[in-house]
Amino acid sequence: MTTETQPQDLAGIGVAVTGAAGDLGGAMSLELARRGAHVTMLDRVPEAEASERIAAVRGAGSCSYRQVDVTERAAVDAALAEVEPLDVAIGNAGIVDAAPFLEVSQAQWQAHLDVNVTGCFNIGQAAARLMVERETRGQVIFTGSWVGEIPWPEISAYTVSKAGVRMLARAMARELAGHGIRVNVVAPGIVMAGMARRQYETDPDYARRASVVIPLGEFGTAEQIAKATAFLCSPDADYMTGSVLLVDGGASLFQFAE
């Protein structure tokens, strides 16, 4: 009988994760800590509200927490400056607020751009500047989405924002390669966690579509996305840049059921 042990392929590296108090960011933080990374968890909620999630990550490895809103650039700069080493920065914070296109408000549209796109820009540029200054051959990873390329009904602001994240990563990857900095995207499908789970439980139309759209026949888990993210952080992915790692159970291959 053999006993599987958690790989320690990330031992000694420093990783900052935004949106770390949420389901997906929390799972990423936990998986990375288990693999030996020191994780700096960043989220806009106060530390007390994230205490259970933080305790779980600390129980698995090394982590610290800072309250940061990714739309506030000065706060992002200050938080990342304290992360040493900073080998990987993961821009995972995001929002989704569903509405038919004709009913999307200016405020809803702008909020998606501010958090999902500008938030990634803030984390990505701040991290890249530090990596160049410190001569670190690091990596930036963004959480994208399968709907960044495949439109899904009633989340137009979200889909556009995730398409922007994909192109932001590719533009960064092209310009930063000369500094030895890689930039990639992990693109989940429909994950039964966080924002998607809330929408599934509260929006019957969404639930109906989601229940038939995945060829593999089951929703993704936060843990599956976390493992894919850990792969991107590992030496096994050290020749990948400008890539989108799609983890969607084949959802992007399927036709929407209206």
Protein backbone atom coordinates (compact mmCIF):
# COMPACT_ATOMS: atom_id res chain seq x y z
CA MET A 1 0.00 0.00 0.00
CA THR A 2 1.34 3.40 -0.99
CA THR A 3 0.55 6.70 0.63
CA GLU A 4 0.29 9.75 -1.60
CA THR A 5 2.02 12.84 -0.30
CA GLN A 6 1.41 16.41 -1.32
CA PRO A 7 4.11 17.57 -3.77
CA GLN A 8 6.39 20.29 -2.44
CA ASP A 9 7.23 21.67 -5.88
CA LEU A 10 6.60 25.27 -4.77
CA ALA A 11 8.78 25.22 -1.68
CA GLY A 12 10.46 28.56 -1.02
CA ILE A 13 8.51 30.70 -3.46
CA GLY A 14 6.35 33.68 -2.53
CA VAL A 15 2.87 33.99 -4.05
CA ALA A 16 0.33 36.79 -3.67
CA VAL A 17 -3.32 35.92 -4.36
CA THR A 18 -6.11 38.49 -4.71
CA GLY A 19 -9.69 37.59 -3.90
CA ALA A 20 -8.20 35.13 -1.45
CA ALA A 21 -11.10 35.25 1.00
CA GLY A 22 -13.47 33.86 -1.62
CA ASP A 23 -14.06 30.24 -2.54
CA LEU A 24 -11.75 30.14 -5.55
CA GLY A 25 -9.00 32.33 -4.13
CA GLY A 26 -9.16 30.47 -0.85
CA ALA A 27 -8.78 27.12 -2.61
CA MET A 28 -5.82 28.49 -4.58
CA SER A 29 -4.18 29.77 -1.40
CA LEU A 30 -4.69 26.44 0.34
CA GLU A 31 -3.31 24.38 -2.54
CA LEU A 32 -0.26 26.63 -2.96
CA ALA A 33 0.49 26.58 0.78
CA ARG A 34 0.21 22.78 0.81
CA ARG A 35 2.83 22.68 -1.93
CA GLY A 36 5.29 24.73 0.09
CA ALA A 37 4.74 28.30 -1.10
CA HIS A 38 4.45 31.22 1.28
CA VAL A 39 1.09 32.72 0.37
CA THR A 40 0.10 36.32 0.89
CA MET A 41 -3.70 36.41 0.86
CA LEU A 42 -5.15 39.69 -0.36
CA ASP A 43 -8.83 40.61 -0.21
CA ARG A 44 -11.01 43.64 0.42
CA VAL A 45 -12.81 42.08 3.41
CA PRO A 46 -11.42 42.67 6.92
CA GLU A 47 -9.14 39.98 8.29
CA ALA A 48 -11.70 39.01 10.94
CA GLU A 49 -14.26 38.13 8.25
CA ALA A 50 -11.72 35.93 6.49
CA SER A 51 -10.41 34.29 9.67
CA GLU A 52 -11.74 30.80 8.94
CA ARG A 53 -10.23 30.77 5.47
CA ILE A 54 -6.93 32.15 6.75
CA ALA A 55 -6.79 29.53 9.51
CA ALA A 56 -7.27 26.75 6.95
CA VAL A 57 -4.38 28.01 4.84
CA ARG A 58 -2.14 28.48 7.86
CA GLY A 59 -2.96 24.95 8.91
CA ALA A 60 -1.58 23.73 5.59
CA GLY A 61 1.50 25.92 5.36
CA SER A 62 2.74 29.48 5.52
CA CYS A 63 0.56 32.50 4.84
CA SER A 64 -0.17 36.11 5.76
CA TYR A 65 -3.19 38.31 5.09
CA ARG A 66 -3.68 41.91 4.02
CA GLN A 67 -6.90 43.80 3.42
CA VAL A 68 -6.58 45.30 -0.07
CA ASP A 69 -9.08 46.51 -2.66
CA VAL A 70 -7.61 45.78 -6.11
CA THR A 71 -9.20 48.92 -7.55
CA GLU A 72 -7.07 51.09 -5.23
CA ARG A 73 -3.68 51.24 -6.88
CA ALA A 74 -1.75 52.77 -3.98
CA ALA A 75 -2.96 50.01 -1.67
CA VAL A 76 -1.97 47.35 -4.20
CA ASP A 77 1.51 48.85 -4.57
CA ALA A 78 1.98 48.98 -0.80
CA ALA A 79 0.79 45.42 -0.23
CA LEU A 80 2.94 43.85 -2.92
CA ALA A 81 6.01 45.82 -1.84
CA GLU A 82 5.88 43.89 1.43
CA VAL A 83 5.85 40.49 -0.28
CA GLU A 84 9.42 39.21 -0.43
CA PRO A 85 10.10 37.14 -2.36
CA LEU A 86 7.39 37.84 -4.89
CA ASP A 87 7.71 35.07 -7.43
CA VAL A 88 4.07 34.82 -8.53
CA ALA A 89 1.20 37.32 -8.40
CA ILE A 90 -2.28 35.91 -9.01
CA GLY A 91 -4.99 38.36 -10.01
CA ASN A 92 -8.07 36.42 -9.03
CA ALA A 93 -10.44 39.02 -7.54
CA GLY A 94 -13.58 39.48 -9.62
CA ILE A 95 -17.27 40.23 -9.65
CA VAL A 96 -20.28 39.16 -11.72
CA ASP A 97 -23.68 40.84 -11.68
CA ALA A 98 -26.09 39.23 -14.12
CA ALA A 99 -28.55 41.28 -16.16
CA PRO A 100 -30.00 41.11 -19.69
CA PHE A 101 -27.97 43.33 -22.00
CA LEU A 102 -30.77 45.88 -22.42
CA GLU A 103 -30.94 46.27 -18.64
CA VAL A 104 -27.23 46.57 -17.82
CA SER A 105 -26.69 49.86 -16.01
CA GLN A 106 -23.73 52.14 -16.45
CA ALA A 107 -22.75 51.40 -12.86
CA GLN A 108 -22.83 47.63 -13.43
CA TRP A 109 -20.75 47.95 -16.59
CA GLN A 110 -18.17 50.17 -14.95
CA ALA A 111 -17.89 48.00 -11.84
CA HIS A 112 -16.97 44.96 -13.95
CA LEU A 113 -14.29 46.91 -15.77
CA ASP A 114 -12.95 48.44 -12.55
CA VAL A 115 -12.64 45.19 -10.61
CA ASN A 116 -12.12 42.53 -13.25
CA VAL A 117 -9.91 44.38 -15.73
CA THR A 118 -8.35 47.34 -13.94
CA GLY A 119 -7.90 45.21 -10.82
CA CYS A 120 -5.83 42.76 -12.87
CA PHE A 121 -3.93 45.61 -14.49
CA ASN A 122 -3.10 47.05 -11.06
CA ILE A 123 -1.87 43.74 -9.67
CA GLY A 124 -0.07 42.80 -12.87
CA GLN A 125 1.77 46.07 -13.38
CA ALA A 126 2.65 46.52 -9.70
CA ALA A 127 4.00 42.98 -9.51
CA ALA A 128 5.91 43.25 -12.80
CA ARG A 129 7.57 46.50 -11.74
CA LEU A 130 8.73 44.90 -8.50
CA MET A 131 10.00 41.83 -10.34
CA VAL A 132 12.01 43.98 -12.75
CA GLU A 133 13.39 46.06 -9.88
CA ARG A 134 14.35 42.96 -7.91
CA GLU A 135 15.58 41.09 -11.02
CA THR A 136 13.10 38.29 -10.36
CA ARG A 137 12.15 35.99 -13.20
CA GLY A 138 8.60 35.77 -11.92
CA GLN A 139 5.11 35.14 -13.19
CA VAL A 140 1.72 36.83 -13.21
CA ILE A 141 -1.41 34.67 -13.44
CA PHE A 142 -4.92 35.98 -14.01
CA THR A 143 -8.17 34.17 -13.40
CA GLY A 144 -10.04 34.43 -16.67
CA SER A 145 -13.08 32.46 -17.75
CA TRP A 146 -14.30 30.25 -20.55
CA VAL A 147 -16.85 32.99 -21.29
CA GLY A 148 -14.01 35.31 -22.21
CA GLU A 149 -14.30 33.74 -25.66
CA ILE A 150 -17.77 32.14 -25.63
CA PRO A 151 -20.69 34.51 -24.88
CA TRP A 152 -23.09 33.43 -22.16
CA PRO A 153 -26.53 35.04 -21.89
CA GLU A 154 -27.16 37.89 -19.46
CA ILE A 155 -23.58 38.46 -18.26
CA SER A 156 -22.31 40.68 -21.08
CA ALA A 157 -20.32 42.96 -18.79
CA TYR A 158 -18.60 39.98 -17.20
CA THR A 159 -17.80 38.26 -20.51
CA VAL A 160 -16.32 41.45 -21.95
CA SER A 161 -14.23 41.98 -18.83
CA LYS A 162 -12.83 38.44 -19.01
CA ALA A 163 -12.02 38.88 -22.70
CA GLY A 164 -10.11 41.97 -21.63
CA VAL A 165 -8.22 39.99 -19.00
CA ARG A 166 -7.15 37.47 -21.64
CA MET A 167 -5.78 40.17 -23.94
CA LEU A 168 -4.16 42.02 -21.04
CA ALA A 169 -2.26 38.83 -20.17
CA ARG A 170 -1.13 38.29 -23.74
CA ALA A 171 -0.01 41.91 -24.15
CA MET A 172 1.92 41.73 -20.88
CA ALA A 173 3.47 38.39 -21.83
CA ARG A 174 4.76 39.86 -25.09
CA GLU A 175 6.30 42.93 -23.49
CA LEU A 176 7.65 41.36 -20.31
CA ALA A 177 9.30 38.27 -21.81
CA GLY A 178 12.56 40.13 -22.16
CA HIS A 179 12.61 40.59 -18.40
CA GLY A 180 12.05 36.87 -17.84
CA ILE A 181 8.52 37.50 -16.57
CA ARG A 182 5.80 35.14 -17.74
CA VAL A 183 2.07 35.91 -17.82
CA ASN A 184 -0.66 33.28 -18.10
CA VAL A 185 -4.38 32.82 -17.53
CA VAL A 186 -6.28 30.01 -15.85
CA ALA A 187 -9.79 29.96 -17.33
CA PRO A 188 -12.39 28.09 -15.27
CA GLY A 189 -15.67 26.84 -16.64
CA ILE A 190 -18.77 26.61 -14.47
CA VAL A 191 -17.47 26.02 -10.97
CA MET A 192 -19.86 25.14 -8.17
CA ALA A 193 -18.35 27.72 -5.86
CA GLY A 194 -18.36 31.43 -5.25
CA MET A 195 -20.16 33.65 -7.76
CA ALA A 196 -21.26 30.82 -10.07
CA ARG A 197 -22.75 28.86 -7.19
CA ARG A 198 -24.70 31.86 -5.94
CA GLN A 199 -26.06 32.47 -9.42
CA TYR A 200 -26.93 28.80 -9.85
CA GLU A 201 -28.87 28.83 -6.58
CA THR A 202 -30.73 32.10 -7.24
CA ASP A 203 -31.27 32.28 -11.02
CA PRO A 204 -33.46 29.47 -12.47
CA ASP A 205 -32.61 30.36 -16.08
CA TYR A 206 -28.90 30.18 -15.33
CA ALA A 207 -29.33 26.89 -13.49
CA ARG A 208 -31.23 25.39 -16.43
CA ARG A 209 -28.57 26.38 -18.93
CA ALA A 210 -25.67 25.38 -16.70
CA SER A 211 -27.13 21.93 -16.05
CA VAL A 212 -26.87 20.89 -19.72
CA VAL A 213 -23.90 22.82 -21.10
CA ILE A 214 -20.97 20.75 -19.76
CA PRO A 215 -20.04 17.74 -21.91
CA LEU A 216 -18.29 15.99 -18.99
CA GLY A 217 -21.59 16.20 -17.17
CA GLU A 218 -20.53 17.75 -13.89
CA PHE A 219 -19.62 21.15 -12.50
CA GLY A 220 -16.05 22.03 -11.76
CA THR A 221 -14.75 22.45 -8.23
CA ALA A 222 -12.65 25.19 -6.70
CA GLU A 223 -10.04 22.53 -5.89
CA GLN A 224 -9.71 21.56 -9.56
CA ILE A 225 -9.06 25.17 -10.54
CA ALA A 226 -6.60 25.52 -7.67
CA LYS A 227 -4.63 22.50 -8.88
CA ALA A 228 -4.47 23.92 -12.41
CA THR A 229 -3.22 27.21 -10.97
CA ALA A 230 -0.60 25.37 -8.93
CA PHE A 231 0.56 23.69 -12.13
CA LEU A 232 1.10 27.10 -13.73
CA CYS A 233 3.11 28.12 -10.66
CA SER A 234 5.27 24.99 -10.83
CA PRO A 235 8.50 24.35 -12.73
CA ASP A 236 6.53 22.06 -15.07
CA ALA A 237 5.00 25.17 -16.68
CA ASP A 238 8.18 27.21 -16.96
CA TYR A 239 8.00 27.42 -20.78
CA MET A 240 4.43 28.75 -20.83
CA THR A 241 3.67 32.43 -21.33
CA GLY A 242 0.75 34.17 -22.99
CA SER A 243 -1.21 30.95 -22.53
CA VAL A 244 -4.81 30.40 -21.47
CA LEU A 245 -5.21 27.17 -19.52
CA LEU A 246 -8.86 26.22 -20.03
CA VAL A 247 -10.35 24.14 -17.20
CA ASP A 248 -14.01 23.97 -18.20
CA GLY A 249 -15.09 20.34 -18.53
CA GLY A 250 -15.61 21.01 -22.24
CA ALA A 251 -18.24 23.71 -21.71
CA SER A 252 -16.72 25.86 -24.43
CA LEU A 253 -17.28 23.01 -26.91
CA PHE A 254 -21.02 22.88 -26.36
CA GLN A 255 -24.00 24.75 -27.74
CA PHE A 256 -26.06 26.80 -25.32
CA ALA A 257 -29.46 25.46 -24.42
CA GLU A 258 -31.93 28.34 -24.47
